Amino acid sequence: MQRGLRVRVPAGRYRHVPKSLERSRLEPGVVSVKLDAPGVGTISEHDLSGGSETFRLSSLTRPGQAADHLAGGRAGPSVETPRPEEERR
């Protein structure tokens, strides 16, 4: 395991990234290199041997950005519709 790497993927640049080798009983013979950014999770993974899968994080939506992303960048006010039981009061 290596620590403190700087890694660039389509989603951005990350520092203090540990690099580890991963094996799985589900895929015997496959060895993967995995890069996990602090506070984000896996940002890159690729098979060294026994496989051909590759993963690179292409985008990231942080909490609080979801409304902007879903509204196409035009977040408006939040309106809550009352339930029928509340309207009777």
C-alpha atoms as a PDB file:
ATOM      1  CA  MET A   1       0.000   0.000   0.000  1.00  0.00           C
ATOM      2  CA  GLN A   2       1.244   3.461  -0.910  1.00  0.00           C
ATOM      3  CA  ARG A   3      -0.038   6.651   0.707  1.00  0.00           C
ATOM      4  CA  GLY A   4       0.002  10.345  -0.061  1.00  0.00           C
ATOM      5  CA  LEU A   5      -0.400  10.158  -3.835  1.00  0.00           C
ATOM      6  CA  ARG A   6      -1.742  12.978  -5.979  1.00  0.00           C
ATOM      7  CA  VAL A   7      -4.262  11.692  -8.520  1.00  0.00           C
ATOM      8  CA  ARG A   8      -6.141  13.349 -11.369  1.00  0.00           C
ATOM      9  CA  VAL A   9      -9.352  11.820 -12.770  1.00  0.00           C
ATOM     10  CA  PRO A  10     -12.097  13.412 -14.910  1.00  0.00           C
ATOM     11  CA  ALA A  11     -13.958  14.436 -11.705  1.00  0.00           C
ATOM     12  CA  GLY A  12     -10.990  16.442 -10.395  1.00  0.00           C
ATOM     13  CA  ARG A  13      -7.655  16.345  -8.601  1.00  0.00           C
ATOM     14  CA  TYR A  14      -7.175  14.629  -5.257  1.00  0.00           C
ATOM     15  CA  ARG A  15      -4.327  14.583  -2.725  1.00  0.00           C
ATOM     16  CA  HIS A  16      -3.367  12.203   0.073  1.00  0.00           C
ATOM     17  CA  VAL A  17      -4.749   9.246  -1.908  1.00  0.00           C
ATOM     18  CA  PRO A  18      -3.798   5.734  -0.766  1.00  0.00           C
ATOM     19  CA  LYS A  19      -3.098   3.112  -3.441  1.00  0.00           C
ATOM     20  CA  SER A  20      -3.856  -0.521  -2.619  1.00  0.00           C
ATOM     21  CA  LEU A  21      -4.031  -3.900  -4.316  1.00  0.00           C
ATOM     22  CA  GLU A  22      -7.328  -5.738  -4.099  1.00  0.00           C
ATOM     23  CA  ARG A  23      -8.186  -9.405  -4.561  1.00  0.00           C
ATOM     24  CA  SER A  24     -11.560 -11.095  -4.346  1.00  0.00           C
ATOM     25  CA  ARG A  25     -12.693 -14.674  -3.839  1.00  0.00           C
ATOM     26  CA  LEU A  26     -15.454 -13.955  -6.353  1.00  0.00           C
ATOM     27  CA  GLU A  27     -12.851 -13.348  -9.067  1.00  0.00           C
ATOM     28  CA  PRO A  28      -9.898 -15.654  -8.406  1.00  0.00           C
ATOM     29  CA  GLY A  29      -6.788 -14.598 -10.287  1.00  0.00           C
ATOM     30  CA  VAL A  30      -7.882 -10.961 -10.652  1.00  0.00           C
ATOM     31  CA  VAL A  31      -5.685  -8.348  -8.971  1.00  0.00           C
ATOM     32  CA  SER A  32      -6.823  -4.722  -9.070  1.00  0.00           C
ATOM     33  CA  VAL A  33      -5.179  -1.423  -8.168  1.00  0.00           C
ATOM     34  CA  LYS A  34      -7.561   0.776  -6.191  1.00  0.00           C
ATOM     35  CA  LEU A  35      -7.254   4.508  -5.393  1.00  0.00           C
ATOM     36  CA  ASP A  36      -9.497   5.917  -2.641  1.00  0.00           C
ATOM     37  CA  ALA A  37      -9.638   9.684  -2.034  1.00  0.00           C
ATOM     38  CA  PRO A  38     -10.311  10.822   1.549  1.00  0.00           C
ATOM     39  CA  GLY A  39     -13.907  11.994   1.961  1.00  0.00           C
ATOM     40  CA  VAL A  40     -14.895  10.710  -1.501  1.00  0.00           C
ATOM     41  CA  GLY A  41     -14.180   6.989  -1.793  1.00  0.00           C
ATOM     42  CA  THR A  42     -12.970   5.061  -4.819  1.00  0.00           C
ATOM     43  CA  ILE A  43     -11.866   7.427  -7.590  1.00  0.00           C
ATOM     44  CA  SER A  44     -10.001   4.943  -9.782  1.00  0.00           C
ATOM     45  CA  GLU A  45      -9.651   1.194 -10.123  1.00  0.00           C
ATOM     46  CA  HIS A  46      -8.132  -1.021 -12.809  1.00  0.00           C
ATOM     47  CA  ASP A  47      -7.180  -4.667 -13.154  1.00  0.00           C
ATOM     48  CA  LEU A  48      -3.478  -5.493 -13.155  1.00  0.00           C
ATOM     49  CA  SER A  49      -3.918  -9.155 -13.984  1.00  0.00           C
ATOM     50  CA  GLY A  50      -6.683 -11.631 -14.711  1.00  0.00           C
ATOM     51  CA  GLY A  51      -9.203  -9.039 -15.896  1.00  0.00           C
ATOM     52  CA  SER A  52      -9.721  -5.949 -17.998  1.00  0.00           C
ATOM     53  CA  GLU A  53     -12.039  -3.669 -15.984  1.00  0.00           C
ATOM     54  CA  THR A  54     -11.253   0.026 -15.526  1.00  0.00           C
ATOM     55  CA  PHE A  55     -13.075   2.646 -13.455  1.00  0.00           C
ATOM     56  CA  ARG A  56     -12.385   6.394 -13.183  1.00  0.00           C
ATOM     57  CA  LEU A  57     -14.659   8.817 -11.351  1.00  0.00           C
ATOM     58  CA  SER A  58     -16.100  11.197 -13.956  1.00  0.00           C
ATOM     59  CA  SER A  59     -18.305  13.432 -11.787  1.00  0.00           C
ATOM     60  CA  LEU A  60     -19.176  14.043  -8.155  1.00  0.00           C
ATOM     61  CA  THR A  61     -22.232  15.673  -6.596  1.00  0.00           C
ATOM     62  CA  ARG A  62     -21.742  16.689  -2.990  1.00  0.00           C
ATOM     63  CA  PRO A  63     -24.594  17.120  -0.478  1.00  0.00           C
ATOM     64  CA  GLY A  64     -26.338  20.419  -1.103  1.00  0.00           C
ATOM     65  CA  GLN A  65     -25.471  20.395  -4.808  1.00  0.00           C
ATOM     66  CA  ALA A  66     -28.079  17.808  -5.777  1.00  0.00           C
ATOM     67  CA  ALA A  67     -30.908  20.355  -6.222  1.00  0.00           C
ATOM     68  CA  ASP A  68     -28.767  22.527  -8.514  1.00  0.00           C
ATOM     69  CA  HIS A  69     -27.723  19.502 -10.532  1.00  0.00           C
ATOM     70  CA  LEU A  70     -31.268  18.196 -10.991  1.00  0.00           C
ATOM     71  CA  ALA A  71     -32.646  21.640 -11.865  1.00  0.00           C
ATOM     72  CA  GLY A  72     -30.033  22.126 -14.547  1.00  0.00           C
ATOM     73  CA  GLY A  73     -28.240  24.739 -12.455  1.00  0.00           C
ATOM     74  CA  ARG A  74     -31.407  26.747 -11.776  1.00  0.00           C
ATOM     75  CA  ALA A  75     -32.340  25.941  -8.213  1.00  0.00           C
ATOM     76  CA  GLY A  76     -35.497  27.697  -7.134  1.00  0.00           C
ATOM     77  CA  PRO A  77     -37.295  27.990  -3.821  1.00  0.00           C
ATOM     78  CA  SER A  78     -38.462  24.819  -2.166  1.00  0.00           C
ATOM     79  CA  VAL A  79     -42.250  24.567  -1.860  1.00  0.00           C
ATOM     80  CA  GLU A  80     -43.887  21.933   0.315  1.00  0.00           C
ATOM     81  CA  THR A  81     -47.397  20.822  -0.675  1.00  0.00           C
ATOM     82  CA  PRO A  82     -49.657  20.180   2.342  1.00  0.00           C
ATOM     83  CA  ARG A  83     -51.250  16.772   2.705  1.00  0.00           C
ATOM     84  CA  PRO A  84     -55.086  16.573   2.575  1.00  0.00           C
ATOM     85  CA  GLU A  85     -55.246  15.952   6.345  1.00  0.00           C
ATOM     86  CA  GLU A  86     -53.330  19.160   7.029  1.00  0.00           C
ATOM     87  CA  GLU A  87     -55.578  21.232   4.760  1.00  0.00           C
ATOM     88  CA  ARG A  88     -58.662  20.406   6.875  1.00  0.00           C
ATOM     89  CA  ARG A  89     -57.216  21.960  10.049  1.00  0.00           C
END
